[in-house]
Amino acid sequence: HTSAKQLVPVANKPVLFYGLEAIAE
């Protein structure tokens, strides 16, 4: 309700960042 689902952290990193890192790699 108050935040983007893609920014909820798993293992203390937003989910979105795992995908962006995979794309960069």
mmCIF file of all heavy atoms, coordinates in Angstrom:
data_MODEL
# 
_entry.id   MODEL 
# 
loop_
_atom_site.group_PDB 
_atom_site.id 
_atom_site.type_symbol 
_atom_site.label_atom_id 
_atom_site.label_alt_id 
_atom_site.label_comp_id 
_atom_site.label_asym_id 
_atom_site.label_entity_id 
_atom_site.label_seq_id 
_atom_site.pdbx_PDB_ins_code 
_atom_site.Cartn_x 
_atom_site.Cartn_y 
_atom_site.Cartn_z 
_atom_site.occupancy 
_atom_site.B_iso_or_equiv 
_atom_site.pdbx_formal_charge 
_atom_site.auth_seq_id 
_atom_site.auth_comp_id 
_atom_site.auth_asym_id 
_atom_site.auth_atom_id 
_atom_site.pdbx_PDB_model_num 
ATOM 1   N N   . HIS A 1 1  ? 0.835  -1.202  0.000   1.00 0.00 ? 1  HIS A N   1 
ATOM 2   C CA  . HIS A 1 1  ? 0.000  0.000   0.000   1.00 0.00 ? 1  HIS A CA  1 
ATOM 3   C C   . HIS A 1 1  ? 0.871  1.253   0.000   1.00 0.00 ? 1  HIS A C   1 
ATOM 4   O O   . HIS A 1 1  ? 0.470  2.313   -0.500  1.00 0.00 ? 1  HIS A O   1 
ATOM 5   C CB  . HIS A 1 1  ? -0.913 0.016   1.230   1.00 0.00 ? 1  HIS A CB  1 
ATOM 6   C CG  . HIS A 1 1  ? -2.161 -0.798  1.064   1.00 0.00 ? 1  HIS A CG  1 
ATOM 7   N ND1 . HIS A 1 1  ? -3.001 -0.683  -0.020  1.00 0.00 ? 1  HIS A ND1 1 
ATOM 8   C CD2 . HIS A 1 1  ? -2.716 -1.746  1.872   1.00 0.00 ? 1  HIS A CD2 1 
ATOM 9   C CE1 . HIS A 1 1  ? -4.015 -1.523  0.115   1.00 0.00 ? 1  HIS A CE1 1 
ATOM 10  N NE2 . HIS A 1 1  ? -3.865 -2.176  1.252   1.00 0.00 ? 1  HIS A NE2 1 
ATOM 11  N N   . THR A 1 2  ? 2.054  1.135   0.572   1.00 0.00 ? 2  THR A N   1 
ATOM 12  C CA  . THR A 1 2  ? 2.902  2.314   0.754   1.00 0.00 ? 2  THR A CA  1 
ATOM 13  C C   . THR A 1 2  ? 4.275  2.176   0.115   1.00 0.00 ? 2  THR A C   1 
ATOM 14  O O   . THR A 1 2  ? 5.095  3.084   0.241   1.00 0.00 ? 2  THR A O   1 
ATOM 15  C CB  . THR A 1 2  ? 3.093  2.601   2.259   1.00 0.00 ? 2  THR A CB  1 
ATOM 16  O OG1 . THR A 1 2  ? 3.612  1.428   2.896   1.00 0.00 ? 2  THR A OG1 1 
ATOM 17  C CG2 . THR A 1 2  ? 1.771  2.990   2.904   1.00 0.00 ? 2  THR A CG2 1 
ATOM 18  N N   . SER A 1 3  ? 4.547  1.086   -0.559  1.00 0.00 ? 3  SER A N   1 
ATOM 19  C CA  . SER A 1 3  ? 5.863  0.917   -1.165  1.00 0.00 ? 3  SER A CA  1 
ATOM 20  C C   . SER A 1 3  ? 5.781  -0.020  -2.358  1.00 0.00 ? 3  SER A C   1 
ATOM 21  O O   . SER A 1 3  ? 4.829  -0.789  -2.506  1.00 0.00 ? 3  SER A O   1 
ATOM 22  C CB  . SER A 1 3  ? 6.858  0.356   -0.135  1.00 0.00 ? 3  SER A CB  1 
ATOM 23  O OG  . SER A 1 3  ? 6.451  -0.923  0.292   1.00 0.00 ? 3  SER A OG  1 
ATOM 24  N N   . ALA A 1 4  ? 6.807  0.035   -3.196  1.00 0.00 ? 4  ALA A N   1 
ATOM 25  C CA  . ALA A 1 4  ? 6.865  -0.800  -4.392  1.00 0.00 ? 4  ALA A CA  1 
ATOM 26  C C   . ALA A 1 4  ? 7.222  -2.231  -4.014  1.00 0.00 ? 4  ALA A C   1 
ATOM 27  O O   . ALA A 1 4  ? 8.158  -2.465  -3.240  1.00 0.00 ? 4  ALA A O   1 
ATOM 28  C CB  . ALA A 1 4  ? 7.901  -0.240  -5.365  1.00 0.00 ? 4  ALA A CB  1 
ATOM 29  N N   . LYS A 1 5  ? 6.509  -3.196  -4.592  1.00 0.00 ? 5  LYS A N   1 
ATOM 30  C CA  . LYS A 1 5  ? 6.783  -4.589  -4.271  1.00 0.00 ? 5  LYS A CA  1 
ATOM 31  C C   . LYS A 1 5  ? 8.193  -4.976  -4.703  1.00 0.00 ? 5  LYS A C   1 
ATOM 32  O O   . LYS A 1 5  ? 8.822  -5.849  -4.088  1.00 0.00 ? 5  LYS A O   1 
ATOM 33  C CB  . LYS A 1 5  ? 5.755  -5.506  -4.937  1.00 0.00 ? 5  LYS A CB  1 
ATOM 34  C CG  . LYS A 1 5  ? 5.744  -5.464  -6.474  1.00 0.00 ? 5  LYS A CG  1 
ATOM 35  C CD  . LYS A 1 5  ? 4.738  -6.425  -7.059  1.00 0.00 ? 5  LYS A CD  1 
ATOM 36  C CE  . LYS A 1 5  ? 4.714  -6.357  -8.582  1.00 0.00 ? 5  LYS A CE  1 
ATOM 37  N NZ  . LYS A 1 5  ? 3.770  -7.347  -9.157  1.00 0.00 ? 5  LYS A NZ  1 
ATOM 38  N N   . GLN A 1 6  ? 8.703  -4.336  -5.742  1.00 0.00 ? 6  GLN A N   1 
ATOM 39  C CA  . GLN A 1 6  ? 10.039 -4.680  -6.240  1.00 0.00 ? 6  GLN A CA  1 
ATOM 40  C C   . GLN A 1 6  ? 11.149 -4.229  -5.300  1.00 0.00 ? 6  GLN A C   1 
ATOM 41  O O   . GLN A 1 6  ? 12.299 -4.625  -5.452  1.00 0.00 ? 6  GLN A O   1 
ATOM 42  C CB  . GLN A 1 6  ? 10.273 -4.047  -7.621  1.00 0.00 ? 6  GLN A CB  1 
ATOM 43  C CG  . GLN A 1 6  ? 9.336  -4.506  -8.704  1.00 0.00 ? 6  GLN A CG  1 
ATOM 44  C CD  . GLN A 1 6  ? 8.012  -3.739  -8.722  1.00 0.00 ? 6  GLN A CD  1 
ATOM 45  O OE1 . GLN A 1 6  ? 7.826  -2.781  -7.965  1.00 0.00 ? 6  GLN A OE1 1 
ATOM 46  N NE2 . GLN A 1 6  ? 7.104  -4.135  -9.594  1.00 0.00 ? 6  GLN A NE2 1 
ATOM 47  N N   . LEU A 1 7  ? 10.819 -3.383  -4.324  1.00 0.00 ? 7  LEU A N   1 
ATOM 48  C CA  . LEU A 1 7  ? 11.836 -2.886  -3.393  1.00 0.00 ? 7  LEU A CA  1 
ATOM 49  C C   . LEU A 1 7  ? 11.780 -3.572  -2.029  1.00 0.00 ? 7  LEU A C   1 
ATOM 50  O O   . LEU A 1 7  ? 12.545 -3.217  -1.133  1.00 0.00 ? 7  LEU A O   1 
ATOM 51  C CB  . LEU A 1 7  ? 11.692 -1.368  -3.219  1.00 0.00 ? 7  LEU A CB  1 
ATOM 52  C CG  . LEU A 1 7  ? 11.959 -0.536  -4.474  1.00 0.00 ? 7  LEU A CG  1 
ATOM 53  C CD1 . LEU A 1 7  ? 11.822 0.944   -4.179  1.00 0.00 ? 7  LEU A CD1 1 
ATOM 54  C CD2 . LEU A 1 7  ? 13.345 -0.838  -5.053  1.00 0.00 ? 7  LEU A CD2 1 
ATOM 55  N N   . VAL A 1 8  ? 10.873 -4.531  -1.863  1.00 0.00 ? 8  VAL A N   1 
ATOM 56  C CA  . VAL A 1 8  ? 10.882 -5.312  -0.628  1.00 0.00 ? 8  VAL A CA  1 
ATOM 57  C C   . VAL A 1 8  ? 12.171 -6.130  -0.607  1.00 0.00 ? 8  VAL A C   1 
ATOM 58  O O   . VAL A 1 8  ? 12.489 -6.820  -1.576  1.00 0.00 ? 8  VAL A O   1 
ATOM 59  C CB  . VAL A 1 8  ? 9.657  -6.229  -0.532  1.00 0.00 ? 8  VAL A CB  1 
ATOM 60  C CG1 . VAL A 1 8  ? 9.743  -7.110  0.709   1.00 0.00 ? 8  VAL A CG1 1 
ATOM 61  C CG2 . VAL A 1 8  ? 8.376  -5.408  -0.513  1.00 0.00 ? 8  VAL A CG2 1 
ATOM 62  N N   . PRO A 1 9  ? 12.952 -6.064  0.481   1.00 0.00 ? 9  PRO A N   1 
ATOM 63  C CA  . PRO A 1 9  ? 14.263 -6.726  0.477   1.00 0.00 ? 9  PRO A CA  1 
ATOM 64  C C   . PRO A 1 9  ? 14.178 -8.212  0.800   1.00 0.00 ? 9  PRO A C   1 
ATOM 65  O O   . PRO A 1 9  ? 13.407 -8.639  1.659   1.00 0.00 ? 9  PRO A O   1 
ATOM 66  C CB  . PRO A 1 9  ? 15.024 -5.982  1.575   1.00 0.00 ? 9  PRO A CB  1 
ATOM 67  C CG  . PRO A 1 9  ? 13.960 -5.533  2.527   1.00 0.00 ? 9  PRO A CG  1 
ATOM 68  C CD  . PRO A 1 9  ? 12.747 -5.245  1.688   1.00 0.00 ? 9  PRO A CD  1 
ATOM 69  N N   . VAL A 1 10 ? 14.990 -8.997  0.115   1.00 0.00 ? 10 VAL A N   1 
ATOM 70  C CA  . VAL A 1 10 ? 15.259 -10.371 0.504   1.00 0.00 ? 10 VAL A CA  1 
ATOM 71  C C   . VAL A 1 10 ? 16.768 -10.472 0.702   1.00 0.00 ? 10 VAL A C   1 
ATOM 72  O O   . VAL A 1 10 ? 17.540 -9.960  -0.108  1.00 0.00 ? 10 VAL A O   1 
ATOM 73  C CB  . VAL A 1 10 ? 14.762 -11.399 -0.530  1.00 0.00 ? 10 VAL A CB  1 
ATOM 74  C CG1 . VAL A 1 10 ? 13.259 -11.528 -0.487  1.00 0.00 ? 10 VAL A CG1 1 
ATOM 75  C CG2 . VAL A 1 10 ? 15.206 -11.052 -1.942  1.00 0.00 ? 10 VAL A CG2 1 
ATOM 76  N N   . ALA A 1 11 ? 17.164 -11.096 1.806   1.00 0.00 ? 11 ALA A N   1 
ATOM 77  C CA  . ALA A 1 11 ? 18.577 -11.117 2.211   1.00 0.00 ? 11 ALA A CA  1 
ATOM 78  C C   . ALA A 1 11 ? 19.135 -9.699  2.233   1.00 0.00 ? 11 ALA A C   1 
ATOM 79  O O   . ALA A 1 11 ? 20.261 -9.438  1.834   1.00 0.00 ? 11 ALA A O   1 
ATOM 80  C CB  . ALA A 1 11 ? 19.402 -12.026 1.313   1.00 0.00 ? 11 ALA A CB  1 
ATOM 81  N N   . ASN A 1 12 ? 18.300 -8.759  2.679   1.00 0.00 ? 12 ASN A N   1 
ATOM 82  C CA  . ASN A 1 12 ? 18.669 -7.352  2.872   1.00 0.00 ? 12 ASN A CA  1 
ATOM 83  C C   . ASN A 1 12 ? 19.081 -6.633  1.590   1.00 0.00 ? 12 ASN A C   1 
ATOM 84  O O   . ASN A 1 12 ? 19.891 -5.715  1.615   1.00 0.00 ? 12 ASN A O   1 
ATOM 85  C CB  . ASN A 1 12 ? 19.766 -7.217  3.934   1.00 0.00 ? 12 ASN A CB  1 
ATOM 86  C CG  . ASN A 1 12 ? 19.192 -7.249  5.343   1.00 0.00 ? 12 ASN A CG  1 
ATOM 87  O OD1 . ASN A 1 12 ? 18.057 -7.681  5.547   1.00 0.00 ? 12 ASN A OD1 1 
ATOM 88  N ND2 . ASN A 1 12 ? 19.965 -6.796  6.313   1.00 0.00 ? 12 ASN A ND2 1 
ATOM 89  N N   . LYS A 1 13 ? 18.478 -7.058  0.470   1.00 0.00 ? 13 LYS A N   1 
ATOM 90  C CA  . LYS A 1 13 ? 18.671 -6.338  -0.791  1.00 0.00 ? 13 LYS A CA  1 
ATOM 91  C C   . LYS A 1 13 ? 17.339 -6.320  -1.528  1.00 0.00 ? 13 LYS A C   1 
ATOM 92  O O   . LYS A 1 13 ? 16.677 -7.368  -1.626  1.00 0.00 ? 13 LYS A O   1 
ATOM 93  C CB  . LYS A 1 13 ? 19.736 -7.010  -1.660  1.00 0.00 ? 13 LYS A CB  1 
ATOM 94  C CG  . LYS A 1 13 ? 20.038 -6.258  -2.961  1.00 0.00 ? 13 LYS A CG  1 
ATOM 95  C CD  . LYS A 1 13 ? 20.895 -7.083  -3.899  1.00 0.00 ? 13 LYS A CD  1 
ATOM 96  C CE  . LYS A 1 13 ? 22.235 -7.401  -3.293  1.00 0.00 ? 13 LYS A CE  1 
ATOM 97  N NZ  . LYS A 1 13 ? 23.092 -8.159  -4.264  1.00 0.00 ? 13 LYS A NZ  1 
ATOM 98  N N   . PRO A 1 14 ? 16.904 -5.166  -2.035  1.00 0.00 ? 14 PRO A N   1 
ATOM 99  C CA  . PRO A 1 14 ? 15.641 -5.136  -2.768  1.00 0.00 ? 14 PRO A CA  1 
ATOM 100 C C   . PRO A 1 14 ? 15.619 -6.148  -3.910  1.00 0.00 ? 14 PRO A C   1 
ATOM 101 O O   . PRO A 1 14 ? 16.614 -6.320  -4.621  1.00 0.00 ? 14 PRO A O   1 
ATOM 102 C CB  . PRO A 1 14 ? 15.589 -3.703  -3.307  1.00 0.00 ? 14 PRO A CB  1 
ATOM 103 C CG  . PRO A 1 14 ? 16.420 -2.905  -2.339  1.00 0.00 ? 14 PRO A CG  1 
ATOM 104 C CD  . PRO A 1 14 ? 17.530 -3.834  -1.931  1.00 0.00 ? 14 PRO A CD  1 
ATOM 105 N N   . VAL A 1 15 ? 14.478 -6.822  -4.075  1.00 0.00 ? 15 VAL A N   1 
ATOM 106 C CA  . VAL A 1 15 ? 14.348 -7.835  -5.118  1.00 0.00 ? 15 VAL A CA  1 
ATOM 107 C C   . VAL A 1 15 ? 14.763 -7.287  -6.478  1.00 0.00 ? 15 VAL A C   1 
ATOM 108 O O   . VAL A 1 15 ? 15.463 -7.955  -7.254  1.00 0.00 ? 15 VAL A O   1 
ATOM 109 C CB  . VAL A 1 15 ? 12.885 -8.342  -5.181  1.00 0.00 ? 15 VAL A CB  1 
ATOM 110 C CG1 . VAL A 1 15 ? 12.690 -9.259  -6.380  1.00 0.00 ? 15 VAL A CG1 1 
ATOM 111 C CG2 . VAL A 1 15 ? 12.525 -9.075  -3.897  1.00 0.00 ? 15 VAL A CG2 1 
ATOM 112 N N   . LEU A 1 16 ? 14.354 -6.071  -6.774  1.00 0.00 ? 16 LEU A N   1 
ATOM 113 C CA  . LEU A 1 16 ? 14.654 -5.458  -8.068  1.00 0.00 ? 16 LEU A CA  1 
ATOM 114 C C   . LEU A 1 16 ? 16.142 -5.450  -8.374  1.00 0.00 ? 16 LEU A C   1 
ATOM 115 O O   . LEU A 1 16 ? 16.562 -5.629  -9.524  1.00 0.00 ? 16 LEU A O   1 
ATOM 116 C CB  . LEU A 1 16 ? 14.101 -4.023  -8.086  1.00 0.00 ? 16 LEU A CB  1 
ATOM 117 C CG  . LEU A 1 16 ? 14.402 -3.175  -9.320  1.00 0.00 ? 16 LEU A CG  1 
ATOM 118 C CD1 . LEU A 1 16 ? 13.771 -3.786  -10.564 1.00 0.00 ? 16 LEU A CD1 1 
ATOM 119 C CD2 . LEU A 1 16 ? 13.894 -1.746  -9.109  1.00 0.00 ? 16 LEU A CD2 1 
ATOM 120 N N   . PHE A 1 17 ? 16.965 -5.254  -7.349  1.00 0.00 ? 17 PHE A N   1 
ATOM 121 C CA  . PHE A 1 17 ? 18.403 -5.124  -7.567  1.00 0.00 ? 17 PHE A CA  1 
ATOM 122 C C   . PHE A 1 17 ? 19.033 -6.426  -8.042  1.00 0.00 ? 17 PHE A C   1 
ATOM 123 O O   . PHE A 1 17 ? 20.033 -6.405  -8.762  1.00 0.00 ? 17 PHE A O   1 
ATOM 124 C CB  . PHE A 1 17 ? 19.086 -4.632  -6.292  1.00 0.00 ? 17 PHE A CB  1 
ATOM 125 C CG  . PHE A 1 17 ? 18.934 -3.153  -6.068  1.00 0.00 ? 17 PHE A CG  1 
ATOM 126 C CD1 . PHE A 1 17 ? 17.740 -2.499  -6.341  1.00 0.00 ? 17 PHE A CD1 1 
ATOM 127 C CD2 . PHE A 1 17 ? 19.983 -2.399  -5.573  1.00 0.00 ? 17 PHE A CD2 1 
ATOM 128 C CE1 . PHE A 1 17 ? 17.587 -1.140  -6.130  1.00 0.00 ? 17 PHE A CE1 1 
ATOM 129 C CE2 . PHE A 1 17 ? 19.846 -1.039  -5.365  1.00 0.00 ? 17 PHE A CE2 1 
ATOM 130 C CZ  . PHE A 1 17 ? 18.649 -0.402  -5.643  1.00 0.00 ? 17 PHE A CZ  1 
ATOM 131 N N   . TYR A 1 18 ? 18.472 -7.571  -7.639  1.00 0.00 ? 18 TYR A N   1 
ATOM 132 C CA  . TYR A 1 18 ? 19.014 -8.839  -8.124  1.00 0.00 ? 18 TYR A CA  1 
ATOM 133 C C   . TYR A 1 18 ? 18.866 -8.935  -9.643  1.00 0.00 ? 18 TYR A C   1 
ATOM 134 O O   . TYR A 1 18 ? 19.774 -9.388  -10.344 1.00 0.00 ? 18 TYR A O   1 
ATOM 135 C CB  . TYR A 1 18 ? 18.303 -10.011 -7.450  1.00 0.00 ? 18 TYR A CB  1 
ATOM 136 C CG  . TYR A 1 18 ? 18.633 -10.157 -5.981  1.00 0.00 ? 18 TYR A CG  1 
ATOM 137 C CD1 . TYR A 1 18 ? 17.770 -9.651  -5.005  1.00 0.00 ? 18 TYR A CD1 1 
ATOM 138 C CD2 . TYR A 1 18 ? 19.795 -10.794 -5.559  1.00 0.00 ? 18 TYR A CD2 1 
ATOM 139 C CE1 . TYR A 1 18 ? 18.066 -9.785  -3.649  1.00 0.00 ? 18 TYR A CE1 1 
ATOM 140 C CE2 . TYR A 1 18 ? 20.093 -10.923 -4.205  1.00 0.00 ? 18 TYR A CE2 1 
ATOM 141 C CZ  . TYR A 1 18 ? 19.225 -10.414 -3.257  1.00 0.00 ? 18 TYR A CZ  1 
ATOM 142 O OH  . TYR A 1 18 ? 19.516 -10.532 -1.922  1.00 0.00 ? 18 TYR A OH  1 
ATOM 143 N N   . GLY A 1 19 ? 17.714 -8.515  -10.154 1.00 0.00 ? 19 GLY A N   1 
ATOM 144 C CA  . GLY A 1 19 ? 17.513 -8.538  -11.596 1.00 0.00 ? 19 GLY A CA  1 
ATOM 145 C C   . GLY A 1 19 ? 18.412 -7.567  -12.328 1.00 0.00 ? 19 GLY A C   1 
ATOM 146 O O   . GLY A 1 19 ? 19.001 -7.897  -13.367 1.00 0.00 ? 19 GLY A O   1 
ATOM 147 N N   . LEU A 1 20 ? 18.548 -6.353  -11.802 1.00 0.00 ? 20 LEU A N   1 
ATOM 148 C CA  . LEU A 1 20 ? 19.404 -5.357  -12.444 1.00 0.00 ? 20 LEU A CA  1 
ATOM 149 C C   . LEU A 1 20 ? 20.859 -5.809  -12.444 1.00 0.00 ? 20 LEU A C   1 
ATOM 150 O O   . LEU A 1 20 ? 21.596 -5.603  -13.422 1.00 0.00 ? 20 LEU A O   1 
ATOM 151 C CB  . LEU A 1 20 ? 19.252 -4.008  -11.740 1.00 0.00 ? 20 LEU A CB  1 
ATOM 152 C CG  . LEU A 1 20 ? 17.870 -3.362  -11.841 1.00 0.00 ? 20 LEU A CG  1 
ATOM 153 C CD1 . LEU A 1 20 ? 17.822 -2.067  -11.036 1.00 0.00 ? 20 LEU A CD1 1 
ATOM 154 C CD2 . LEU A 1 20 ? 17.474 -3.092  -13.291 1.00 0.00 ? 20 LEU A CD2 1 
ATOM 155 N N   . GLU A 1 21 ? 21.294 -6.431  -11.355 1.00 0.00 ? 21 GLU A N   1 
ATOM 156 C CA  . GLU A 1 21 ? 22.666 -6.946  -11.305 1.00 0.00 ? 21 GLU A CA  1 
ATOM 157 C C   . GLU A 1 21 ? 22.859 -8.079  -12.303 1.00 0.00 ? 21 GLU A C   1 
ATOM 158 O O   . GLU A 1 21 ? 23.914 -8.177  -12.950 1.00 0.00 ? 21 GLU A O   1 
ATOM 159 C CB  . GLU A 1 21 ? 22.989 -7.415  -9.889  1.00 0.00 ? 21 GLU A CB  1 
ATOM 160 C CG  . GLU A 1 21 ? 23.132 -6.278  -8.888  1.00 0.00 ? 21 GLU A CG  1 
ATOM 161 C CD  . GLU A 1 21 ? 23.269 -6.746  -7.462  1.00 0.00 ? 21 GLU A CD  1 
ATOM 162 O OE1 . GLU A 1 21 ? 23.116 -7.960  -7.204  1.00 0.00 ? 21 GLU A OE1 1 
ATOM 163 O OE2 . GLU A 1 21 ? 23.523 -5.898  -6.578  1.00 0.00 ? 21 GLU A OE2 1 
ATOM 164 N N   . ALA A 1 22 ? 21.852 -8.944  -12.435 1.00 0.00 ? 22 ALA A N   1 
ATOM 165 C CA  . ALA A 1 22 ? 21.943 -10.039 -13.402 1.00 0.00 ? 22 ALA A CA  1 
ATOM 166 C C   . ALA A 1 22 ? 22.038 -9.511  -14.829 1.00 0.00 ? 22 ALA A C   1 
ATOM 167 O O   . ALA A 1 22 ? 22.778 -10.045 -15.660 1.00 0.00 ? 22 ALA A O   1 
ATOM 168 C CB  . ALA A 1 22 ? 20.736 -10.962 -13.258 1.00 0.00 ? 22 ALA A CB  1 
ATOM 169 N N   . ILE A 1 23 ? 21.291 -8.449  -15.115 1.00 0.00 ? 23 ILE A N   1 
ATOM 170 C CA  . ILE A 1 23 ? 21.344 -7.827  -16.436 1.00 0.00 ? 23 ILE A CA  1 
ATOM 171 C C   . ILE A 1 23 ? 22.727 -7.245  -16.698 1.00 0.00 ? 23 ILE A C   1 
ATOM 172 O O   . ILE A 1 23 ? 23.311 -7.426  -17.776 1.00 0.00 ? 23 ILE A O   1 
ATOM 173 C CB  . ILE A 1 23 ? 20.248 -6.748  -16.539 1.00 0.00 ? 23 ILE A CB  1 
ATOM 174 C CG1 . ILE A 1 23 ? 18.870 -7.414  -16.646 1.00 0.00 ? 23 ILE A CG1 1 
ATOM 175 C CG2 . ILE A 1 23 ? 20.484 -5.817  -17.715 1.00 0.00 ? 23 ILE A CG2 1 
ATOM 176 C CD1 . ILE A 1 23 ? 17.711 -6.487  -16.406 1.00 0.00 ? 23 ILE A CD1 1 
ATOM 177 N N   . ALA A 1 24 ? 23.278 -6.551  -15.717 1.00 0.00 ? 24 ALA A N   1 
ATOM 178 C CA  . ALA A 1 24 ? 24.620 -5.979  -15.870 1.00 0.00 ? 24 ALA A CA  1 
ATOM 179 C C   . ALA A 1 24 ? 25.671 -7.073  -16.060 1.00 0.00 ? 24 ALA A C   1 
ATOM 180 O O   . ALA A 1 24 ? 26.584 -6.941  -16.892 1.00 0.00 ? 24 ALA A O   1 
ATOM 181 C CB  . ALA A 1 24 ? 24.959 -5.110  -14.663 1.00 0.00 ? 24 ALA A CB  1 
ATOM 182 N N   . GLU A 1 25 ? 25.542 -8.162  -15.309 1.00 0.00 ? 25 GLU A N   1 
ATOM 183 C CA  . GLU A 1 25 ? 26.488 -9.274  -15.426 1.00 0.00 ? 25 GLU A CA  1 
ATOM 184 C C   . GLU A 1 25 ? 26.425 -9.922  -16.801 1.00 0.00 ? 25 GLU A C   1 
ATOM 185 O O   . GLU A 1 25 ? 27.415 -10.499 -17.273 1.00 0.00 ? 25 GLU A O   1 
ATOM 186 C CB  . GLU A 1 25 ? 26.207 -10.319 -14.345 1.00 0.00 ? 25 GLU A CB  1 
ATOM 187 C CG  . GLU A 1 25 ? 26.589 -9.856  -12.940 1.00 0.00 ? 25 GLU A CG  1 
ATOM 188 C CD  . GLU A 1 25 ? 26.054 -10.775 -11.863 1.00 0.00 ? 25 GLU A CD  1 
ATOM 189 O OE1 . GLU A 1 25 ? 25.429 -11.809 -12.222 1.00 0.00 ? 25 GLU A OE1 1 
ATOM 190 O OE2 . GLU A 1 25 ? 26.255 -10.469 -10.666 1.00 0.00 ? 25 GLU A OE2 1 
# 
